[in-house]
PDB file of N, CA and C in Angstrom:
ATOM      1  N   MET A   1      10.371  14.098   0.738  1.00  0.00           N
ATOM      2  CA  MET A   1       9.274  13.941   1.675  1.00  0.00           C
ATOM      3  C   MET A   1       9.556  12.769   2.634  1.00  0.00           C
ATOM      4  N   ILE A   2      10.008  11.664   2.105  1.00  0.00           N
ATOM      5  CA  ILE A   2      10.287  10.482   2.941  1.00  0.00           C
ATOM      6  C   ILE A   2      11.428  10.763   3.901  1.00  0.00           C
ATOM      7  N   GLN A   3      12.490  11.389   3.403  1.00  0.00           N
ATOM      8  CA  GLN A   3      13.658  11.653   4.240  1.00  0.00           C
ATOM      9  C   GLN A   3      13.376  12.646   5.349  1.00  0.00           C
ATOM     10  N   ARG A   4      12.429  13.566   5.130  1.00  0.00           N
ATOM     11  CA  ARG A   4      12.116  14.583   6.137  1.00  0.00           C
ATOM     12  C   ARG A   4      11.121  14.096   7.182  1.00  0.00           C
ATOM     13  N   ALA A   5      10.431  13.014   6.928  1.00  0.00           N
ATOM     14  CA  ALA A   5       9.389  12.535   7.848  1.00  0.00           C
ATOM     15  C   ALA A   5       9.994  12.152   9.199  1.00  0.00           C
ATOM     16  N   GLU A   6       9.309  12.567  10.259  1.00  0.00           N
ATOM     17  CA  GLU A   6       9.755  12.256  11.617  1.00  0.00           C
ATOM     18  C   GLU A   6       8.807  11.294  12.330  1.00  0.00           C
ATOM     19  N   ARG A   7       7.470  11.449  12.102  1.00  0.00           N
ATOM     20  CA  ARG A   7       6.483  10.658  12.836  1.00  0.00           C
ATOM     21  C   ARG A   7       5.760   9.638  11.979  1.00  0.00           C
ATOM     22  N   ARG A   8       5.364  10.041  10.771  1.00  0.00           N
ATOM     23  CA  ARG A   8       4.557   9.141   9.949  1.00  0.00           C
ATOM     24  C   ARG A   8       4.732   9.438   8.471  1.00  0.00           C
ATOM     25  N   ILE A   9       4.568   8.382   7.711  1.00  0.00           N
ATOM     26  CA  ILE A   9       4.495   8.449   6.255  1.00  0.00           C
ATOM     27  C   ILE A   9       3.243   7.678   5.881  1.00  0.00           C
ATOM     28  N   PHE A  10       2.423   8.240   5.008  1.00  0.00           N
ATOM     29  CA  PHE A  10       1.243   7.509   4.558  1.00  0.00           C
ATOM     30  C   PHE A  10       1.148   7.561   3.043  1.00  0.00           C
ATOM     31  N   LEU A  11       0.775   6.422   2.483  1.00  0.00           N
ATOM     32  CA  LEU A  11       0.687   6.268   1.038  1.00  0.00           C
ATOM     33  C   LEU A  11      -0.597   5.564   0.673  1.00  0.00           C
ATOM     34  N   SER A  12      -1.272   6.102  -0.306  1.00  0.00           N
ATOM     35  CA  SER A  12      -2.435   5.444  -0.882  1.00  0.00           C
ATOM     36  C   SER A  12      -2.212   5.448  -2.376  1.00  0.00           C
ATOM     37  N   SER A  13      -1.686   4.350  -2.879  1.00  0.00           N
ATOM     38  CA  SER A  13      -1.304   4.269  -4.278  1.00  0.00           C
ATOM     39  C   SER A  13      -1.010   2.820  -4.619  1.00  0.00           C
ATOM     40  N   PHE A  14      -1.009   2.515  -5.900  1.00  0.00           N
ATOM     41  CA  PHE A  14      -0.568   1.199  -6.329  1.00  0.00           C
ATOM     42  C   PHE A  14       0.950   1.153  -6.223  1.00  0.00           C
ATOM     43  N   ILE A  15       1.472   0.099  -5.654  1.00  0.00           N
ATOM     44  CA  ILE A  15       2.913  -0.094  -5.548  1.00  0.00           C
ATOM     45  C   ILE A  15       3.244  -1.381  -6.273  1.00  0.00           C
ATOM     46  N   GLY A  16       3.963  -1.251  -7.372  1.00  0.00           N
ATOM     47  CA  GLY A  16       4.313  -2.401  -8.189  1.00  0.00           C
ATOM     48  C   GLY A  16       5.804  -2.663  -8.179  1.00  0.00           C
ATOM     49  N   SER A  17       6.221  -3.589  -9.013  1.00  0.00           N
ATOM     50  CA  SER A  17       7.623  -4.000  -9.030  1.00  0.00           C
ATOM     51  C   SER A  17       8.565  -2.879  -9.461  1.00  0.00           C
ATOM     52  N   SER A  18       8.079  -1.873 -10.167  1.00  0.00           N
ATOM     53  CA  SER A  18       8.951  -0.780 -10.603  1.00  0.00           C
ATOM     54  C   SER A  18       9.197   0.246  -9.491  1.00  0.00           C
ATOM     55  N   GLU A  19       8.553   0.081  -8.348  1.00  0.00           N
ATOM     56  CA  GLU A  19       8.732   1.007  -7.235  1.00  0.00           C
ATOM     57  C   GLU A  19       9.756   0.513  -6.216  1.00  0.00           C
ATOM     58  N   GLY A  20      10.753  -0.210  -6.673  1.00  0.00           N
ATOM     59  CA  GLY A  20      11.778  -0.739  -5.778  1.00  0.00           C
ATOM     60  C   GLY A  20      12.514   0.340  -5.015  1.00  0.00           C
ATOM     61  N   GLU A  21      12.811   1.446  -5.680  1.00  0.00           N
ATOM     62  CA  GLU A  21      13.520   2.548  -5.028  1.00  0.00           C
ATOM     63  C   GLU A  21      12.673   3.159  -3.911  1.00  0.00           C
ATOM     64  N   LEU A  22      11.373   3.273  -4.148  1.00  0.00           N
ATOM     65  CA  LEU A  22      10.459   3.784  -3.121  1.00  0.00           C
ATOM     66  C   LEU A  22      10.494   2.895  -1.888  1.00  0.00           C
ATOM     67  N   VAL A  23      10.365   1.598  -2.087  1.00  0.00           N
ATOM     68  CA  VAL A  23      10.351   0.656  -0.961  1.00  0.00           C
ATOM     69  C   VAL A  23      11.693   0.686  -0.223  1.00  0.00           C
ATOM     70  N   GLU A  24      12.798   0.786  -0.960  1.00  0.00           N
ATOM     71  CA  GLU A  24      14.117   0.886  -0.329  1.00  0.00           C
ATOM     72  C   GLU A  24      14.217   2.137   0.534  1.00  0.00           C
ATOM     73  N   ASN A  25      13.721   3.260   0.014  1.00  0.00           N
ATOM     74  CA  ASN A  25      13.771   4.509   0.773  1.00  0.00           C
ATOM     75  C   ASN A  25      12.882   4.455   2.011  1.00  0.00           C
ATOM     76  N   LEU A  26      11.738   3.795   1.909  1.00  0.00           N
ATOM     77  CA  LEU A  26      10.865   3.639   3.078  1.00  0.00           C
ATOM     78  C   LEU A  26      11.563   2.800   4.146  1.00  0.00           C
ATOM     79  N   GLY A  27      12.205   1.718   3.731  1.00  0.00           N
ATOM     80  CA  GLY A  27      12.952   0.886   4.676  1.00  0.00           C
ATOM     81  C   GLY A  27      14.100   1.640   5.320  1.00  0.00           C
ATOM     82  N   LYS A  28      14.790   2.438   4.537  1.00  0.00           N
ATOM     83  CA  LYS A  28      15.893   3.241   5.067  1.00  0.00           C
ATOM     84  C   LYS A  28      15.387   4.230   6.116  1.00  0.00           C
ATOM     85  N   ALA A  29      14.261   4.880   5.822  1.00  0.00           N
ATOM     86  CA  ALA A  29      13.689   5.837   6.775  1.00  0.00           C
ATOM     87  C   ALA A  29      13.291   5.140   8.074  1.00  0.00           C
ATOM     88  N   LEU A  30      12.691   3.955   7.984  1.00  0.00           N
ATOM     89  CA  LEU A  30      12.312   3.205   9.184  1.00  0.00           C
ATOM     90  C   LEU A  30      13.535   2.801   9.999  1.00  0.00           C
ATOM     91  N   ARG A  31      14.623   2.425   9.327  1.00  0.00           N
ATOM     92  CA  ARG A  31      15.855   2.054  10.030  1.00  0.00           C
ATOM     93  C   ARG A  31      16.461   3.246  10.770  1.00  0.00           C
ATOM     94  N   GLN A  32      16.391   4.404  10.156  1.00  0.00           N
ATOM     95  CA  GLN A  32      17.053   5.589  10.718  1.00  0.00           C
ATOM     96  C   GLN A  32      16.246   6.277  11.816  1.00  0.00           C
ATOM     97  N   LYS A  33      14.918   6.125  11.789  1.00  0.00           N
ATOM     98  CA  LYS A  33      14.066   6.851  12.741  1.00  0.00           C
ATOM     99  C   LYS A  33      13.143   5.871  13.460  1.00  0.00           C
ATOM    100  N   GLU A  34      13.487   5.553  14.700  1.00  0.00           N
ATOM    101  CA  GLU A  34      12.757   4.530  15.442  1.00  0.00           C
ATOM    102  C   GLU A  34      11.317   4.910  15.777  1.00  0.00           C
ATOM    103  N   SER A  35      10.983   6.181  15.746  1.00  0.00           N
ATOM    104  CA  SER A  35       9.618   6.591  16.075  1.00  0.00           C
ATOM    105  C   SER A  35       8.735   6.741  14.834  1.00  0.00           C
ATOM    106  N   LEU A  36       9.281   6.478  13.662  1.00  0.00           N
ATOM    107  CA  LEU A  36       8.546   6.639  12.412  1.00  0.00           C
ATOM    108  C   LEU A  36       7.592   5.469  12.177  1.00  0.00           C
ATOM    109  N   HIS A  37       6.364   5.787  11.757  1.00  0.00           N
ATOM    110  CA  HIS A  37       5.365   4.781  11.401  1.00  0.00           C
ATOM    111  C   HIS A  37       4.998   4.958   9.931  1.00  0.00           C
ATOM    112  N   LEU A  38       4.687   3.850   9.302  1.00  0.00           N
ATOM    113  CA  LEU A  38       4.354   3.826   7.880  1.00  0.00           C
ATOM    114  C   LEU A  38       2.948   3.265   7.715  1.00  0.00           C
ATOM    115  N   TYR A  39       2.087   4.000   6.988  1.00  0.00           N
ATOM    116  CA  TYR A  39       0.688   3.610   6.793  1.00  0.00           C
ATOM    117  C   TYR A  39       0.385   3.487   5.305  1.00  0.00           C
ATOM    118  N   PHE A  40      -0.251   2.384   4.918  1.00  0.00           N
ATOM    119  CA  PHE A  40      -0.661   2.158   3.536  1.00  0.00           C
ATOM    120  C   PHE A  40      -2.175   1.995   3.472  1.00  0.00           C
ATOM    121  N   GLN A  41      -2.802   2.604   2.487  1.00  0.00           N
ATOM    122  CA  GLN A  41      -4.204   2.361   2.146  1.00  0.00           C
ATOM    123  C   GLN A  41      -4.167   1.816   0.721  1.00  0.00           C
ATOM    124  N   LEU A  42      -4.541   0.557   0.559  1.00  0.00           N
ATOM    125  CA  LEU A  42      -4.378  -0.134  -0.720  1.00  0.00           C
ATOM    126  C   LEU A  42      -5.674  -0.786  -1.180  1.00  0.00           C
ATOM    127  N   ASP A  43      -5.769  -1.025  -2.461  1.00  0.00           N
ATOM    128  CA  ASP A  43      -6.890  -1.779  -3.001  1.00  0.00           C
ATOM    129  C   ASP A  43      -6.636  -3.267  -2.758  1.00  0.00           C
ATOM    130  N   LEU A  44      -7.587  -3.959  -2.158  1.00  0.00           N
ATOM    131  CA  LEU A  44      -7.399  -5.370  -1.807  1.00  0.00           C
ATOM    132  C   LEU A  44      -7.122  -6.229  -3.035  1.00  0.00           C
ATOM    133  N   ASN A  45      -7.981  -6.150  -4.047  1.00  0.00           N
ATOM    134  CA  ASN A  45      -7.820  -7.019  -5.214  1.00  0.00           C
ATOM    135  C   ASN A  45      -6.544  -6.719  -5.985  1.00  0.00           C
ATOM    136  N   ARG A  46      -6.272  -5.467  -6.162  1.00  0.00           N
ATOM    137  CA  ARG A  46      -5.099  -5.079  -6.947  1.00  0.00           C
ATOM    138  C   ARG A  46      -3.804  -5.396  -6.198  1.00  0.00           C
ATOM    139  N   SER A  47      -3.812  -5.250  -4.890  1.00  0.00           N
ATOM    140  CA  SER A  47      -2.601  -5.452  -4.091  1.00  0.00           C
ATOM    141  C   SER A  47      -2.284  -6.911  -3.818  1.00  0.00           C
ATOM    142  N   THR A  48      -3.243  -7.787  -4.046  1.00  0.00           N
ATOM    143  CA  THR A  48      -3.014  -9.208  -3.756  1.00  0.00           C
ATOM    144  C   THR A  48      -3.104 -10.049  -5.025  1.00  0.00           C
ATOM    145  N   ARG A  49      -2.755  -9.459  -6.148  1.00  0.00           N
ATOM    146  CA  ARG A  49      -2.730 -10.216  -7.402  1.00  0.00           C
ATOM    147  C   ARG A  49      -1.757 -11.387  -7.247  1.00  0.00           C
ATOM    148  N   PRO A  50      -2.058 -12.501  -7.909  1.00  0.00           N
ATOM    149  CA  PRO A  50      -1.120 -13.627  -7.854  1.00  0.00           C
ATOM    150  C   PRO A  50       0.225 -13.235  -8.480  1.00  0.00           C
ATOM    151  N   GLY A  51       1.289 -13.766  -7.933  1.00  0.00           N
ATOM    152  CA  GLY A  51       2.607 -13.517  -8.485  1.00  0.00           C
ATOM    153  C   GLY A  51       3.537 -12.876  -7.483  1.00  0.00           C
ATOM    154  N   ALA A  52       4.812 -12.943  -7.795  1.00  0.00           N
ATOM    155  CA  ALA A  52       5.848 -12.445  -6.890  1.00  0.00           C
ATOM    156  C   ALA A  52       5.884 -10.923  -6.806  1.00  0.00           C
ATOM    157  N   SER A  53       5.306 -10.225  -7.775  1.00  0.00           N
ATOM    158  CA  SER A  53       5.403  -8.767  -7.790  1.00  0.00           C
ATOM    159  C   SER A  53       4.148  -8.071  -7.266  1.00  0.00           C
ATOM    160  N   SER A  54       3.307  -8.772  -6.522  1.00  0.00           N
ATOM    161  CA  SER A  54       2.116  -8.128  -5.960  1.00  0.00           C
ATOM    162  C   SER A  54       2.542  -7.119  -4.895  1.00  0.00           C
ATOM    163  N   THR A  55       1.736  -6.109  -4.710  1.00  0.00           N
ATOM    164  CA  THR A  55       2.027  -5.091  -3.704  1.00  0.00           C
ATOM    165  C   THR A  55       2.195  -5.726  -2.325  1.00  0.00           C
ATOM    166  N   ALA A  56       1.333  -6.657  -1.988  1.00  0.00           N
ATOM    167  CA  ALA A  56       1.409  -7.313  -0.677  1.00  0.00           C
ATOM    168  C   ALA A  56       2.762  -8.005  -0.491  1.00  0.00           C
ATOM    169  N   LYS A  57       3.250  -8.684  -1.513  1.00  0.00           N
ATOM    170  CA  LYS A  57       4.540  -9.375  -1.400  1.00  0.00           C
ATOM    171  C   LYS A  57       5.701  -8.394  -1.395  1.00  0.00           C
ATOM    172  N   ILE A  58       5.571  -7.310  -2.141  1.00  0.00           N
ATOM    173  CA  ILE A  58       6.627  -6.297  -2.165  1.00  0.00           C
ATOM    174  C   ILE A  58       6.789  -5.655  -0.787  1.00  0.00           C
ATOM    175  N   LEU A  59       5.675  -5.428  -0.098  1.00  0.00           N
ATOM    176  CA  LEU A  59       5.712  -4.768   1.211  1.00  0.00           C
ATOM    177  C   LEU A  59       5.876  -5.731   2.384  1.00  0.00           C
ATOM    178  N   LEU A  60       5.839  -7.020   2.115  1.00  0.00           N
ATOM    179  CA  LEU A  60       5.898  -8.020   3.183  1.00  0.00           C
ATOM    180  C   LEU A  60       7.156  -7.896   4.033  1.00  0.00           C
ATOM    181  N   SER A  61       8.306  -7.682   3.421  1.00  0.00           N
ATOM    182  CA  SER A  61       9.541  -7.612   4.213  1.00  0.00           C
ATOM    183  C   SER A  61       9.529  -6.422   5.167  1.00  0.00           C
ATOM    184  N   LEU A  62       8.982  -5.283   4.736  1.00  0.00           N
ATOM    185  CA  LEU A  62       8.871  -4.134   5.645  1.00  0.00           C
ATOM    186  C   LEU A  62       7.955  -4.472   6.819  1.00  0.00           C
ATOM    187  N   SER A  63       6.854  -5.107   6.517  1.00  0.00           N
ATOM    188  CA  SER A  63       5.886  -5.461   7.554  1.00  0.00           C
ATOM    189  C   SER A  63       6.461  -6.473   8.543  1.00  0.00           C
ATOM    190  N   GLN A  64       7.223  -7.417   8.055  1.00  0.00           N
ATOM    191  CA  GLN A  64       7.822  -8.418   8.937  1.00  0.00           C
ATOM    192  C   GLN A  64       8.966  -7.831   9.773  1.00  0.00           C
ATOM    193  N   THR A  65       9.725  -6.929   9.180  1.00  0.00           N
ATOM    194  CA  THR A  65      10.844  -6.318   9.891  1.00  0.00           C
ATOM    195  C   THR A  65      10.380  -5.319  10.938  1.00  0.00           C
ATOM    196  N   TYR A  66       9.301  -4.593  10.644  1.00  0.00           N
ATOM    197  CA  TYR A  66       8.778  -3.561  11.537  1.00  0.00           C
ATOM    198  C   TYR A  66       7.284  -3.796  11.799  1.00  0.00           C
ATOM    199  N   PRO A  67       6.916  -4.893  12.433  1.00  0.00           N
ATOM    200  CA  PRO A  67       5.490  -5.234  12.573  1.00  0.00           C
ATOM    201  C   PRO A  67       4.670  -4.223  13.376  1.00  0.00           C
ATOM    202  N   ASP A  68       5.292  -3.499  14.274  1.00  0.00           N
ATOM    203  CA  ASP A  68       4.563  -2.518  15.082  1.00  0.00           C
ATOM    204  C   ASP A  68       4.558  -1.129  14.454  1.00  0.00           C
ATOM    205  N   ARG A  69       5.264  -0.970  13.335  1.00  0.00           N
ATOM    206  CA  ARG A  69       5.400   0.362  12.742  1.00  0.00           C
ATOM    207  C   ARG A  69       4.921   0.446  11.292  1.00  0.00           C
ATOM    208  N   VAL A  70       4.627  -0.669  10.680  1.00  0.00           N
ATOM    209  CA  VAL A  70       4.108  -0.685   9.311  1.00  0.00           C
ATOM    210  C   VAL A  70       2.665  -1.171   9.365  1.00  0.00           C
ATOM    211  N   HIS A  71       1.757  -0.348   8.869  1.00  0.00           N
ATOM    212  CA  HIS A  71       0.323  -0.624   8.958  1.00  0.00           C
ATOM    213  C   HIS A  71      -0.279  -0.584   7.552  1.00  0.00           C
ATOM    214  N   ALA A  72      -1.061  -1.586   7.224  1.00  0.00           N
ATOM    215  CA  ALA A  72      -1.714  -1.638   5.914  1.00  0.00           C
ATOM    216  C   ALA A  72      -3.217  -1.802   6.088  1.00  0.00           C
ATOM    217  N   SER A  73      -3.971  -0.998   5.356  1.00  0.00           N
ATOM    218  CA  SER A  73      -5.426  -1.109   5.305  1.00  0.00           C
ATOM    219  C   SER A  73      -5.804  -1.358   3.855  1.00  0.00           C
ATOM    220  N   PHE A  74      -6.826  -2.187   3.664  1.00  0.00           N
ATOM    221  CA  PHE A  74      -7.209  -2.573   2.310  1.00  0.00           C
ATOM    222  C   PHE A  74      -8.658  -2.201   2.011  1.00  0.00           C
ATOM    223  N   PHE A  75      -8.866  -1.572   0.853  1.00  0.00           N
ATOM    224  CA  PHE A  75     -10.208  -1.261   0.367  1.00  0.00           C
ATOM    225  C   PHE A  75     -10.713  -2.430  -0.459  1.00  0.00           C
ATOM    226  N   ARG A  76     -11.940  -2.817  -0.196  1.00  0.00           N
ATOM    227  CA  ARG A  76     -12.595  -3.848  -1.001  1.00  0.00           C
ATOM    228  C   ARG A  76     -13.944  -3.301  -1.428  1.00  0.00           C
ATOM    229  N   SER A  77     -14.206  -3.324  -2.710  1.00  0.00           N
ATOM    230  CA  SER A  77     -15.446  -2.775  -3.232  1.00  0.00           C
ATOM    231  C   SER A  77     -16.648  -3.460  -2.590  1.00  0.00           C
ATOM    232  N   PRO A  78     -17.615  -2.681  -2.113  1.00  0.00           N
ATOM    233  CA  PRO A  78     -18.817  -3.301  -1.562  1.00  0.00           C
ATOM    234  C   PRO A  78     -19.655  -3.990  -2.641  1.00  0.00           C
ATOM    235  N   ASN A  79     -19.359  -3.713  -3.912  1.00  0.00           N
ATOM    236  CA  ASN A  79     -20.077  -4.368  -5.008  1.00  0.00           C
ATOM    237  C   ASN A  79     -19.649  -5.824  -5.192  1.00  0.00           C
ATOM    238  N   LEU A  80     -18.523  -6.181  -4.633  1.00  0.00           N
ATOM    239  CA  LEU A  80     -18.005  -7.537  -4.787  1.00  0.00           C
ATOM    240  C   LEU A  80     -17.970  -8.212  -3.415  1.00  0.00           C
ATOM    241  N   ARG A  81     -19.089  -8.758  -3.020  1.00  0.00           N
ATOM    242  CA  ARG A  81     -19.176  -9.439  -1.730  1.00  0.00           C
ATOM    243  C   ARG A  81     -20.160 -10.603  -1.855  1.00  0.00           C
ATOM    244  N   GLY A  82     -20.217 -11.395  -0.826  1.00  0.00           N
ATOM    245  CA  GLY A  82     -21.135 -12.527  -0.825  1.00  0.00           C
ATOM    246  C   GLY A  82     -20.834 -13.507  -1.941  1.00  0.00           C
ATOM    247  N   ILE A  83     -21.867 -13.944  -2.618  1.00  0.00           N
ATOM    248  CA  ILE A  83     -21.729 -14.935  -3.682  1.00  0.00           C
ATOM    249  C   ILE A  83     -20.901 -14.404  -4.843  1.00  0.00           C
ATOM    250  N   MET A  84     -21.005 -13.082  -5.110  1.00  0.00           N
ATOM    251  CA  MET A  84     -20.241 -12.491  -6.218  1.00  0.00           C
ATOM    252  C   MET A  84     -18.734 -12.609  -5.980  1.00  0.00           C
ATOM    253  N   ALA A  85     -18.314 -12.453  -4.744  1.00  0.00           N
ATOM    254  CA  ALA A  85     -16.896 -12.567  -4.421  1.00  0.00           C
ATOM    255  C   ALA A  85     -16.388 -13.978  -4.680  1.00  0.00           C
ATOM    256  N   LYS A  86     -17.273 -14.953  -4.597  1.00  0.00           N
ATOM    257  CA  LYS A  86     -16.868 -16.343  -4.790  1.00  0.00           C
ATOM    258  C   LYS A  86     -16.905 -16.766  -6.254  1.00  0.00           C
ATOM    259  N   VAL A  87     -17.787 -16.167  -7.042  1.00  0.00           N
ATOM    260  CA  VAL A  87     -17.938 -16.631  -8.424  1.00  0.00           C
ATOM    261  C   VAL A  87     -17.133 -15.800  -9.432  1.00  0.00           C
ATOM    262  N   VAL A  88     -16.771 -14.572  -9.093  1.00  0.00           N
ATOM    263  CA  VAL A  88     -15.990 -13.745 -10.016  1.00  0.00           C
ATOM    264  C   VAL A  88     -14.526 -14.176  -9.911  1.00  0.00           C
ATOM    265  N   PRO A  89     -13.922 -14.604 -11.014  1.00  0.00           N
ATOM    266  CA  PRO A  89     -12.526 -15.041 -10.977  1.00  0.00           C
ATOM    267  C   PRO A  89     -11.583 -13.897 -10.594  1.00  0.00           C
ATOM    268  N   PRO A  90     -10.486 -14.210  -9.934  1.00  0.00           N
ATOM    269  CA  PRO A  90      -9.542 -13.173  -9.511  1.00  0.00           C
ATOM    270  C   PRO A  90      -9.108 -12.247 -10.648  1.00  0.00           C
ATOM    271  N   ARG A  91      -9.010 -12.769 -11.819  1.00  0.00           N
ATOM    272  CA  ARG A  91      -8.560 -11.949 -12.948  1.00  0.00           C
ATOM    273  C   ARG A  91      -9.531 -10.806 -13.253  1.00  0.00           C
ATOM    274  N   PHE A  92     -10.803 -10.968 -12.924  1.00  0.00           N
ATOM    275  CA  PHE A  92     -11.822  -9.976 -13.266  1.00  0.00           C
ATOM    276  C   PHE A  92     -12.346  -9.176 -12.074  1.00  0.00           C
ATOM    277  N   ASN A  93     -11.914  -9.505 -10.858  1.00  0.00           N
ATOM    278  CA  ASN A  93     -12.494  -8.871  -9.679  1.00  0.00           C
ATOM    279  C   ASN A  93     -12.230  -7.365  -9.590  1.00  0.00           C
ATOM    280  N   GLU A  94     -11.177  -6.879 -10.217  1.00  0.00           N
ATOM    281  CA  GLU A  94     -10.892  -5.449 -10.176  1.00  0.00           C
ATOM    282  C   GLU A  94     -11.911  -4.633 -10.966  1.00  0.00           C
ATOM    283  N   GLY A  95     -12.618  -5.274 -11.877  1.00  0.00           N
ATOM    284  CA  GLY A  95     -13.632  -4.578 -12.661  1.00  0.00           C
ATOM    285  C   GLY A  95     -14.844  -4.150 -11.852  1.00  0.00           C
ATOM    286  N   TRP A  96     -14.996  -4.658 -10.643  1.00  0.00           N
ATOM    287  CA  TRP A  96     -16.133  -4.325  -9.787  1.00  0.00           C
ATOM    288  C   TRP A  96     -15.892  -3.065  -8.973  1.00  0.00           C
ATOM    289  N   GLY A  97     -14.717  -2.558  -9.024  1.00  0.00           N
ATOM    290  CA  GLY A  97     -14.397  -1.339  -8.274  1.00  0.00           C
ATOM    291  C   GLY A  97     -12.992  -1.414  -7.731  1.00  0.00           C
ATOM    292  N   THR A  98     -12.194  -0.425  -8.047  1.00  0.00           N
ATOM    293  CA  THR A  98     -10.805  -0.403  -7.625  1.00  0.00           C
ATOM    294  C   THR A  98     -10.502   0.938  -6.969  1.00  0.00           C
ATOM    295  N   TRP A  99      -9.746   0.905  -5.893  1.00  0.00           N
ATOM    296  CA  TRP A  99      -9.309   2.111  -5.203  1.00  0.00           C
ATOM    297  C   TRP A  99      -8.133   2.682  -5.980  1.00  0.00           C
ATOM    298  N   HIS A 100      -8.321   3.867  -6.595  1.00  0.00           N
ATOM    299  CA  HIS A 100      -7.289   4.468  -7.450  1.00  0.00           C
ATOM    300  C   HIS A 100      -6.694   5.744  -6.876  1.00  0.00           C
ATOM    301  N   ALA A 101      -6.816   5.979  -5.599  1.00  0.00           N
ATOM    302  CA  ALA A 101      -6.300   7.217  -5.010  1.00  0.00           C
ATOM    303  C   ALA A 101      -4.778   7.270  -5.111  1.00  0.00           C
ATOM    304  N   LYS A 102      -4.287   8.460  -5.264  1.00  0.00           N
ATOM    305  CA  LYS A 102      -2.843   8.716  -5.258  1.00  0.00           C
ATOM    306  C   LYS A 102      -2.608   9.803  -4.221  1.00  0.00           C
ATOM    307  N   ILE A 103      -2.443   9.376  -2.981  1.00  0.00           N
ATOM    308  CA  ILE A 103      -2.262  10.310  -1.872  1.00  0.00           C
ATOM    309  C   ILE A 103      -0.980   9.926  -1.140  1.00  0.00           C
ATOM    310  N   TYR A 104      -0.145  10.917  -0.921  1.00  0.00           N
ATOM    311  CA  TYR A 104       1.132  10.689  -0.261  1.00  0.00           C
ATOM    312  C   TYR A 104       1.281  11.720   0.841  1.00  0.00           C
ATOM    313  N   GLY A 105       1.819  11.325   1.973  1.00  0.00           N
ATOM    314  CA  GLY A 105       1.994  12.282   3.045  1.00  0.00           C
ATOM    315  C   GLY A 105       3.120  11.917   3.977  1.00  0.00           C
ATOM    316  N   ALA A 106       3.610  12.937   4.638  1.00  0.00           N
ATOM    317  CA  ALA A 106       4.642  12.769   5.653  1.00  0.00           C
ATOM    318  C   ALA A 106       4.349  13.768   6.759  1.00  0.00           C
ATOM    319  N   ASP A 107       4.245  13.281   7.960  1.00  0.00           N
ATOM    320  CA  ASP A 107       3.903  14.101   9.119  1.00  0.00           C
ATOM    321  C   ASP A 107       2.614  14.868   8.824  1.00  0.00           C
ATOM    322  N   ASP A 108       2.682  16.190   8.676  1.00  0.00           N
ATOM    323  CA  ASP A 108       1.471  16.982   8.447  1.00  0.00           C
ATOM    324  C   ASP A 108       1.356  17.501   7.016  1.00  0.00           C
ATOM    325  N   ASP A 109       2.190  17.027   6.116  1.00  0.00           N
ATOM    326  CA  ASP A 109       2.154  17.444   4.709  1.00  0.00           C
ATOM    327  C   ASP A 109       1.465  16.375   3.872  1.00  0.00           C
ATOM    328  N   VAL A 110       0.639  16.814   2.923  1.00  0.00           N
ATOM    329  CA  VAL A 110      -0.094  15.888   2.057  1.00  0.00           C
ATOM    330  C   VAL A 110       0.099  16.307   0.609  1.00  0.00           C
ATOM    331  N   MET A 111       0.256  15.311  -0.267  1.00  0.00           N
ATOM    332  CA  MET A 111       0.331  15.555  -1.707  1.00  0.00           C
ATOM    333  C   MET A 111      -0.669  14.616  -2.370  1.00  0.00           C
ATOM    334  N   ILE A 112      -1.590  15.187  -3.138  1.00  0.00           N
ATOM    335  CA  ILE A 112      -2.584  14.415  -3.876  1.00  0.00           C
ATOM    336  C   ILE A 112      -2.301  14.612  -5.350  1.00  0.00           C
ATOM    337  N   THR A 113      -2.169  13.510  -6.078  1.00  0.00           N
ATOM    338  CA  THR A 113      -1.867  13.603  -7.505  1.00  0.00           C
ATOM    339  C   THR A 113      -3.008  12.992  -8.311  1.00  0.00           C
ATOM    340  N   PRO A 114      -3.125  13.370  -9.573  1.00  0.00           N
ATOM    341  CA  PRO A 114      -4.176  12.771 -10.407  1.00  0.00           C
ATOM    342  C   PRO A 114      -3.863  11.311 -10.708  1.00  0.00           C
ATOM    343  N   THR A 115      -4.911  10.536 -10.956  1.00  0.00           N
ATOM    344  CA  THR A 115      -4.705   9.118 -11.265  1.00  0.00           C
ATOM    345  C   THR A 115      -4.253   8.930 -12.676  1.00  0.00           C
TER     346      THR A 115
END
């Protein structure tokens, strides 16, 4: 799916340290096809966990290398806002609602998998 994409690739999924091959393939596709854009829909709390293996840090090099072609959007639970966002420790904030979609697409093809 990634290799065949010509215009866009979109992913809505958790991306962790074990997805190194996925990130490498996405970078390779961006290098080979100058018109290709990459879109991510991610959970804010889950993607910005502290540590070197957070989704945000894993995708940072792609975003810095291709700032006009890599786009990330973050879901934040409306249940965790205002004072609650300040008093709930980062370790527990995912319990208020997490985006668990597993949607993958390239150009006009979409694949939805169970969580």
